[in-house]
Amino acid sequence: MMGYASKDDIDDLYGTDLLVRIADYDRDGVPDPLVVQRGLDGADEICDAYLSSQYTVPVVPTPGIVKNCAIDIAVYKIALGRTGRTDEMRVRYEDALAILEKISTGKVGLGLPPVTTTGTDANGNPVTTTTNPNVTRGGRSFDSRRA
């Protein structure tokens, strides 16, 4: 499975220097790929745990808010036990968990686009169905209106 975030996503958001500081365990000036991957995998597990209460996981395509949460969680997990961990990393990690909590309770939606399929009914008449395959239960769509 492709993860919610990648090493390149971390580089794009925070720069390569951050990953060198927190993931270069062998001190060769390059982030250790296994260390980075463990952090990304851990972030995916946390995201899936929260998202699975409202959505089929993995959520595809990955919404930007989920990718950003995964990046901040991965950075925090990668920095575990390293002197490079900062208060900002902790705050971003806690903020990511708070966002995921809101998504898991339906207070924040992911705004995923519906999927339209065309087929035929039992009588051979054309039928168009619009669904969101990621949603598993509850919540209101953007099209629902209060009575």
N, C-alpha and C. Protein backbone atom coordinates (compact mmCIF):
# COMPACT_ATOMS: atom_id res chain seq x y z
N MET A 1 0.84 -1.18 0.00
CA MET A 1 0.00 0.00 0.00
C MET A 1 0.88 1.24 0.00
N MET A 2 0.47 2.19 -0.76
CA MET A 2 1.12 3.49 -0.71
C MET A 2 0.67 4.17 0.58
N GLY A 3 1.57 4.85 1.22
CA GLY A 3 1.21 5.51 2.46
C GLY A 3 0.56 6.85 2.24
N TYR A 4 0.10 7.43 3.33
CA TYR A 4 -0.52 8.74 3.27
C TYR A 4 0.51 9.85 3.00
N ALA A 5 1.75 9.59 3.36
CA ALA A 5 2.82 10.57 3.15
C ALA A 5 4.09 9.82 2.76
N SER A 6 5.03 10.55 2.22
CA SER A 6 6.30 9.95 1.80
C SER A 6 7.47 10.79 2.32
N LYS A 7 8.66 10.24 2.15
CA LYS A 7 9.87 10.98 2.51
C LYS A 7 9.91 12.30 1.74
N ASP A 8 9.55 12.24 0.45
CA ASP A 8 9.55 13.47 -0.37
C ASP A 8 8.56 14.50 0.17
N ASP A 9 7.43 14.04 0.70
CA ASP A 9 6.46 14.97 1.28
C ASP A 9 7.06 15.69 2.49
N ILE A 10 7.80 14.94 3.31
CA ILE A 10 8.46 15.55 4.48
C ILE A 10 9.51 16.56 4.01
N ASP A 11 10.31 16.15 3.01
CA ASP A 11 11.31 17.06 2.45
C ASP A 11 10.67 18.33 1.92
N ASP A 12 9.56 18.16 1.19
CA ASP A 12 8.90 19.33 0.59
C ASP A 12 8.38 20.29 1.65
N LEU A 13 7.85 19.74 2.74
CA LEU A 13 7.26 20.59 3.77
C LEU A 13 8.30 21.18 4.71
N TYR A 14 9.28 20.38 5.11
CA TYR A 14 10.23 20.81 6.15
C TYR A 14 11.68 20.93 5.69
N GLY A 15 11.99 20.39 4.52
CA GLY A 15 13.37 20.44 4.04
C GLY A 15 14.15 19.20 4.46
N THR A 16 15.14 18.86 3.67
CA THR A 16 15.95 17.66 3.91
C THR A 16 16.75 17.75 5.20
N ASP A 17 17.12 18.95 5.60
CA ASP A 17 17.92 19.11 6.82
C ASP A 17 17.21 18.51 8.03
N LEU A 18 15.90 18.64 8.10
CA LEU A 18 15.17 18.09 9.24
C LEU A 18 15.33 16.58 9.28
N LEU A 19 15.14 15.91 8.16
CA LEU A 19 15.26 14.44 8.16
C LEU A 19 16.68 14.00 8.48
N VAL A 20 17.67 14.74 8.02
CA VAL A 20 19.05 14.39 8.37
C VAL A 20 19.23 14.51 9.88
N ARG A 21 18.67 15.56 10.46
CA ARG A 21 18.82 15.78 11.90
C ARG A 21 18.16 14.68 12.73
N ILE A 22 16.99 14.20 12.28
CA ILE A 22 16.25 13.25 13.12
C ILE A 22 16.35 11.80 12.67
N ALA A 23 16.81 11.55 11.42
CA ALA A 23 16.79 10.17 10.92
C ALA A 23 18.13 9.67 10.43
N ASP A 24 19.19 10.41 10.68
CA ASP A 24 20.52 9.97 10.27
C ASP A 24 21.20 9.29 11.44
N TYR A 25 20.76 8.07 11.72
CA TYR A 25 21.28 7.35 12.89
C TYR A 25 22.74 6.93 12.70
N ASP A 26 23.16 6.66 11.46
CA ASP A 26 24.54 6.23 11.25
C ASP A 26 25.48 7.41 10.94
N ARG A 27 24.95 8.62 11.02
CA ARG A 27 25.72 9.86 10.88
C ARG A 27 26.54 9.94 9.60
N ASP A 28 25.90 9.55 8.49
CA ASP A 28 26.60 9.67 7.20
C ASP A 28 26.07 10.84 6.37
N GLY A 29 25.23 11.68 6.97
CA GLY A 29 24.71 12.85 6.29
C GLY A 29 23.48 12.59 5.44
N VAL A 30 22.94 11.36 5.53
CA VAL A 30 21.77 10.98 4.74
C VAL A 30 20.74 10.34 5.69
N PRO A 31 19.47 10.73 5.57
CA PRO A 31 18.44 10.09 6.41
C PRO A 31 18.41 8.58 6.16
N ASP A 32 18.39 7.78 7.21
CA ASP A 32 18.35 6.33 7.06
C ASP A 32 16.97 5.91 6.56
N PRO A 33 16.91 5.27 5.39
CA PRO A 33 15.62 4.91 4.79
C PRO A 33 14.72 4.07 5.69
N LEU A 34 15.30 3.13 6.43
CA LEU A 34 14.47 2.28 7.31
C LEU A 34 13.88 3.07 8.46
N VAL A 35 14.64 4.02 8.99
CA VAL A 35 14.14 4.86 10.08
C VAL A 35 12.98 5.71 9.57
N VAL A 36 13.15 6.30 8.39
CA VAL A 36 12.09 7.13 7.81
C VAL A 36 10.86 6.27 7.53
N GLN A 37 11.06 5.08 6.95
CA GLN A 37 9.93 4.23 6.60
C GLN A 37 9.17 3.77 7.84
N ARG A 38 9.90 3.46 8.92
CA ARG A 38 9.22 3.07 10.17
C ARG A 38 8.34 4.21 10.69
N GLY A 39 8.83 5.44 10.60
CA GLY A 39 8.04 6.59 11.02
C GLY A 39 6.81 6.77 10.15
N LEU A 40 6.97 6.63 8.84
CA LEU A 40 5.85 6.76 7.92
C LEU A 40 4.83 5.64 8.13
N ASP A 41 5.32 4.42 8.35
CA ASP A 41 4.41 3.29 8.60
C ASP A 41 3.63 3.50 9.89
N GLY A 42 4.31 3.99 10.92
CA GLY A 42 3.64 4.27 12.18
C GLY A 42 2.57 5.35 12.02
N ALA A 43 2.88 6.35 11.21
CA ALA A 43 1.90 7.42 10.95
C ALA A 43 0.69 6.86 10.21
N ASP A 44 0.91 5.98 9.24
CA ASP A 44 -0.19 5.35 8.52
C ASP A 44 -1.10 4.56 9.47
N GLU A 45 -0.49 3.82 10.37
CA GLU A 45 -1.27 3.04 11.33
C GLU A 45 -2.14 3.93 12.21
N ILE A 46 -1.57 5.03 12.67
CA ILE A 46 -2.33 5.95 13.51
C ILE A 46 -3.46 6.59 12.70
N CYS A 47 -3.15 7.05 11.51
CA CYS A 47 -4.19 7.66 10.65
C CYS A 47 -5.31 6.66 10.38
N ASP A 48 -4.95 5.44 10.00
CA ASP A 48 -5.97 4.42 9.73
C ASP A 48 -6.83 4.12 10.95
N ALA A 49 -6.22 4.10 12.12
CA ALA A 49 -6.99 3.82 13.34
C ALA A 49 -8.08 4.87 13.54
N TYR A 50 -7.76 6.12 13.32
CA TYR A 50 -8.76 7.18 13.46
C TYR A 50 -9.74 7.18 12.29
N LEU A 51 -9.23 7.12 11.07
CA LEU A 51 -10.07 7.24 9.88
C LEU A 51 -11.05 6.07 9.72
N SER A 52 -10.68 4.91 10.23
CA SER A 52 -11.52 3.72 10.04
C SER A 52 -12.87 3.81 10.72
N SER A 53 -13.04 4.74 11.64
CA SER A 53 -14.35 4.88 12.28
C SER A 53 -15.37 5.55 11.36
N GLN A 54 -14.89 6.25 10.32
CA GLN A 54 -15.79 6.95 9.40
C GLN A 54 -15.61 6.52 7.94
N TYR A 55 -14.43 6.01 7.61
CA TYR A 55 -14.09 5.75 6.21
C TYR A 55 -13.48 4.36 6.05
N THR A 56 -13.59 3.84 4.83
CA THR A 56 -12.87 2.63 4.48
C THR A 56 -11.41 3.03 4.30
N VAL A 57 -10.52 2.31 4.93
CA VAL A 57 -9.09 2.64 4.85
C VAL A 57 -8.36 1.63 4.00
N PRO A 58 -7.30 2.02 3.32
CA PRO A 58 -6.78 3.38 3.28
C PRO A 58 -7.69 4.30 2.47
N VAL A 59 -7.72 5.57 2.85
CA VAL A 59 -8.53 6.56 2.15
C VAL A 59 -7.77 6.96 0.89
N VAL A 60 -8.40 6.71 -0.26
CA VAL A 60 -7.78 7.00 -1.54
C VAL A 60 -8.77 7.77 -2.39
N PRO A 61 -8.38 8.87 -2.99
CA PRO A 61 -7.07 9.51 -2.91
C PRO A 61 -6.88 10.15 -1.53
N THR A 62 -5.63 10.35 -1.18
CA THR A 62 -5.32 10.90 0.13
C THR A 62 -5.64 12.39 0.15
N PRO A 63 -6.59 12.80 1.01
CA PRO A 63 -6.87 14.23 1.15
C PRO A 63 -5.65 14.94 1.76
N GLY A 64 -5.45 16.19 1.39
CA GLY A 64 -4.31 16.95 1.88
C GLY A 64 -4.23 17.02 3.39
N ILE A 65 -5.38 17.12 4.05
CA ILE A 65 -5.37 17.22 5.51
C ILE A 65 -4.83 15.94 6.14
N VAL A 66 -5.14 14.79 5.54
CA VAL A 66 -4.63 13.52 6.05
C VAL A 66 -3.13 13.41 5.78
N LYS A 67 -2.70 13.85 4.61
CA LYS A 67 -1.27 13.81 4.29
C LYS A 67 -0.49 14.68 5.28
N ASN A 68 -1.00 15.86 5.57
CA ASN A 68 -0.29 16.74 6.51
C ASN A 68 -0.25 16.15 7.91
N CYS A 69 -1.34 15.52 8.33
CA CYS A 69 -1.34 14.84 9.63
C CYS A 69 -0.29 13.73 9.64
N ALA A 70 -0.26 12.94 8.57
CA ALA A 70 0.70 11.83 8.49
C ALA A 70 2.14 12.33 8.52
N ILE A 71 2.40 13.44 7.85
CA ILE A 71 3.76 14.01 7.87
C ILE A 71 4.16 14.39 9.29
N ASP A 72 3.28 15.12 9.99
CA ASP A 72 3.63 15.57 11.34
C ASP A 72 3.75 14.41 12.32
N ILE A 73 2.92 13.40 12.17
CA ILE A 73 3.02 12.22 13.03
C ILE A 73 4.32 11.48 12.74
N ALA A 74 4.64 11.31 11.46
CA ALA A 74 5.87 10.60 11.09
C ALA A 74 7.10 11.31 11.62
N VAL A 75 7.15 12.63 11.47
CA VAL A 75 8.30 13.39 11.96
C VAL A 75 8.47 13.18 13.46
N TYR A 76 7.37 13.25 14.18
CA TYR A 76 7.43 13.06 15.63
C TYR A 76 7.92 11.67 15.98
N LYS A 77 7.40 10.65 15.28
CA LYS A 77 7.80 9.27 15.56
C LYS A 77 9.26 9.03 15.18
N ILE A 78 9.70 9.60 14.06
CA ILE A 78 11.09 9.44 13.63
C ILE A 78 12.02 10.06 14.66
N ALA A 79 11.61 11.18 15.23
CA ALA A 79 12.47 11.90 16.18
C ALA A 79 12.47 11.28 17.57
N LEU A 80 11.67 10.24 17.80
CA LEU A 80 11.66 9.59 19.12
C LEU A 80 13.08 9.18 19.52
N GLY A 81 13.45 9.56 20.70
CA GLY A 81 14.76 9.16 21.21
C GLY A 81 15.92 9.93 20.64
N ARG A 82 15.63 10.91 19.81
CA ARG A 82 16.69 11.72 19.22
C ARG A 82 16.71 13.09 19.90
N THR A 83 17.86 13.70 19.92
CA THR A 83 17.95 15.02 20.53
C THR A 83 17.33 16.09 19.64
N GLY A 84 16.98 15.72 18.41
CA GLY A 84 16.41 16.69 17.48
C GLY A 84 14.95 16.98 17.69
N ARG A 85 14.27 16.27 18.61
CA ARG A 85 12.84 16.51 18.82
C ARG A 85 12.66 17.86 19.48
N THR A 86 11.66 18.60 19.00
CA THR A 86 11.40 19.94 19.51
C THR A 86 9.98 20.04 20.04
N ASP A 87 9.73 21.11 20.76
CA ASP A 87 8.37 21.37 21.23
C ASP A 87 7.42 21.58 20.06
N GLU A 88 7.92 22.20 18.99
CA GLU A 88 7.08 22.40 17.81
C GLU A 88 6.64 21.06 17.22
N MET A 89 7.54 20.08 17.19
CA MET A 89 7.18 18.75 16.68
C MET A 89 6.08 18.14 17.53
N ARG A 90 6.20 18.29 18.85
CA ARG A 90 5.20 17.73 19.76
C ARG A 90 3.84 18.41 19.54
N VAL A 91 3.85 19.72 19.42
CA VAL A 91 2.61 20.47 19.20
C VAL A 91 1.97 20.06 17.87
N ARG A 92 2.78 19.94 16.83
CA ARG A 92 2.24 19.52 15.52
C ARG A 92 1.68 18.11 15.58
N TYR A 93 2.35 17.23 16.31
CA TYR A 93 1.87 15.86 16.51
C TYR A 93 0.52 15.87 17.22
N GLU A 94 0.45 16.61 18.31
CA GLU A 94 -0.80 16.69 19.07
C GLU A 94 -1.92 17.33 18.25
N ASP A 95 -1.59 18.34 17.45
CA ASP A 95 -2.58 18.96 16.57
C ASP A 95 -3.08 17.97 15.52
N ALA A 96 -2.16 17.16 14.97
CA ALA A 96 -2.54 16.15 13.98
C ALA A 96 -3.51 15.14 14.60
N LEU A 97 -3.21 14.69 15.81
CA LEU A 97 -4.10 13.75 16.49
C LEU A 97 -5.46 14.38 16.75
N ALA A 98 -5.49 15.66 17.09
CA ALA A 98 -6.76 16.36 17.35
C ALA A 98 -7.59 16.44 16.07
N ILE A 99 -6.94 16.71 14.95
CA ILE A 99 -7.66 16.76 13.67
C ILE A 99 -8.21 15.38 13.33
N LEU A 100 -7.38 14.36 13.49
CA LEU A 100 -7.84 12.99 13.20
C LEU A 100 -9.00 12.59 14.11
N GLU A 101 -8.95 13.04 15.35
CA GLU A 101 -10.06 12.77 16.29
C GLU A 101 -11.34 13.40 15.77
N LYS A 102 -11.27 14.63 15.29
CA LYS A 102 -12.45 15.31 14.76
C LYS A 102 -12.97 14.61 13.51
N ILE A 103 -12.07 14.12 12.68
CA ILE A 103 -12.50 13.36 11.50
C ILE A 103 -13.18 12.07 11.94
N SER A 104 -12.62 11.40 12.95
CA SER A 104 -13.17 10.12 13.40
C SER A 104 -14.55 10.24 14.01
N THR A 105 -14.87 11.42 14.54
CA THR A 105 -16.20 11.62 15.15
C THR A 105 -17.16 12.31 14.20
N GLY A 106 -16.71 12.61 12.99
CA GLY A 106 -17.58 13.24 12.00
C GLY A 106 -17.69 14.74 12.13
N LYS A 107 -16.92 15.36 13.03
CA LYS A 107 -16.97 16.82 13.18
C LYS A 107 -16.25 17.52 12.02
N VAL A 108 -15.31 16.81 11.41
CA VAL A 108 -14.60 17.31 10.24
C VAL A 108 -14.72 16.25 9.16
N GLY A 109 -15.14 16.67 7.97
CA GLY A 109 -15.24 15.74 6.85
C GLY A 109 -14.04 15.88 5.95
N LEU A 110 -13.85 14.90 5.09
CA LEU A 110 -12.71 14.93 4.19
C LEU A 110 -13.04 15.52 2.83
N GLY A 111 -14.33 15.76 2.56
CA GLY A 111 -14.70 16.38 1.30
C GLY A 111 -14.32 15.57 0.09
N LEU A 112 -14.39 14.25 0.23
CA LEU A 112 -14.01 13.39 -0.89
C LEU A 112 -15.04 13.47 -2.00
N PRO A 113 -14.58 13.48 -3.25
CA PRO A 113 -15.52 13.56 -4.37
C PRO A 113 -16.31 12.26 -4.51
N PRO A 114 -17.57 12.36 -4.88
CA PRO A 114 -18.36 11.16 -5.10
C PRO A 114 -17.92 10.45 -6.38
N VAL A 115 -18.18 9.15 -6.43
CA VAL A 115 -17.87 8.36 -7.60
C VAL A 115 -19.18 8.05 -8.31
N THR A 116 -19.26 8.34 -9.60
CA THR A 116 -20.47 8.08 -10.38
C THR A 116 -20.26 6.85 -11.24
N THR A 117 -21.19 5.91 -11.13
CA THR A 117 -21.14 4.71 -11.96
C THR A 117 -22.43 4.61 -12.75
N THR A 118 -22.34 4.07 -13.94
CA THR A 118 -23.50 3.91 -14.79
C THR A 118 -23.68 2.43 -15.07
N GLY A 119 -24.91 1.98 -14.95
CA GLY A 119 -25.22 0.57 -15.20
C GLY A 119 -26.67 0.45 -15.60
N THR A 120 -27.22 -0.73 -15.44
CA THR A 120 -28.63 -0.95 -15.78
C THR A 120 -29.32 -1.62 -14.61
N ASP A 121 -30.64 -1.36 -14.49
CA ASP A 121 -31.41 -2.01 -13.43
C ASP A 121 -31.87 -3.38 -13.92
N ALA A 122 -32.68 -4.05 -13.12
CA ALA A 122 -33.14 -5.40 -13.44
C ALA A 122 -33.91 -5.46 -14.76
N ASN A 123 -34.51 -4.35 -15.16
CA ASN A 123 -35.29 -4.30 -16.42
C ASN A 123 -34.46 -3.83 -17.60
N GLY A 124 -33.16 -3.60 -17.39
CA GLY A 124 -32.31 -3.16 -18.47
C GLY A 124 -32.31 -1.65 -18.71
N ASN A 125 -32.97 -0.91 -17.82
CA ASN A 125 -33.00 0.55 -17.94
C ASN A 125 -31.71 1.15 -17.40
N PRO A 126 -31.20 2.21 -18.03
CA PRO A 126 -29.96 2.83 -17.55
C PRO A 126 -30.16 3.45 -16.16
N VAL A 127 -29.15 3.26 -15.32
CA VAL A 127 -29.17 3.79 -13.95
C VAL A 127 -27.81 4.40 -13.66
N THR A 128 -27.81 5.62 -13.12
CA THR A 128 -26.58 6.27 -12.70
C THR A 128 -26.61 6.38 -11.19
N THR A 129 -25.55 5.92 -10.54
CA THR A 129 -25.47 5.95 -9.09
C THR A 129 -24.26 6.78 -8.68
N THR A 130 -24.46 7.67 -7.72
CA THR A 130 -23.36 8.48 -7.19
C THR A 130 -23.15 8.08 -5.74
N THR A 131 -21.95 7.63 -5.44
CA THR A 131 -21.61 7.19 -4.09
C THR A 131 -20.21 7.66 -3.74
N ASN A 132 -19.89 7.52 -2.49
CA ASN A 132 -18.53 7.75 -2.05
C ASN A 132 -18.06 6.45 -1.42
N PRO A 133 -17.23 5.68 -2.11
CA PRO A 133 -16.83 4.37 -1.60
C PRO A 133 -16.00 4.44 -0.32
N ASN A 134 -15.49 5.61 0.02
CA ASN A 134 -14.68 5.72 1.23
C ASN A 134 -15.52 5.81 2.49
N VAL A 135 -16.76 6.29 2.37
CA VAL A 135 -17.59 6.48 3.55
C VAL A 135 -18.22 5.14 3.94
N THR A 136 -18.08 4.79 5.21
CA THR A 136 -18.60 3.51 5.66
C THR A 136 -19.87 3.65 6.49
N ARG A 137 -20.05 4.78 7.13
CA ARG A 137 -21.25 4.95 7.96
C ARG A 137 -21.41 6.41 8.35
N GLY A 138 -22.58 6.72 8.85
CA GLY A 138 -22.85 8.00 9.49
C GLY A 138 -22.48 9.21 8.67
N GLY A 139 -22.58 10.34 9.31
CA GLY A 139 -22.21 11.59 8.68
C GLY A 139 -23.23 12.06 7.67
N ARG A 140 -23.16 13.32 7.33
CA ARG A 140 -24.06 13.90 6.33
C ARG A 140 -23.23 14.32 5.14
N SER A 141 -23.79 14.19 3.97
CA SER A 141 -23.07 14.62 2.78
C SER A 141 -23.14 16.14 2.69
N PHE A 142 -22.35 16.70 1.82
CA PHE A 142 -22.38 18.14 1.62
C PHE A 142 -23.70 18.57 1.01
N ASP A 143 -24.40 17.65 0.35
CA ASP A 143 -25.67 17.98 -0.33
C ASP A 143 -26.86 17.91 0.60
N SER A 144 -26.71 17.35 1.80
CA SER A 144 -27.87 17.23 2.69
C SER A 144 -28.25 18.59 3.23
N ARG A 145 -29.52 18.77 3.41
CA ARG A 145 -30.04 20.05 3.88
C ARG A 145 -30.85 19.83 5.15
N ARG A 146 -30.85 20.82 6.02
CA ARG A 146 -31.69 20.76 7.21
C ARG A 146 -33.12 21.05 6.81
N ALA A 147 -34.03 20.32 7.41
CA ALA A 147 -35.45 20.53 7.09
C ALA A 147 -35.99 21.75 7.79
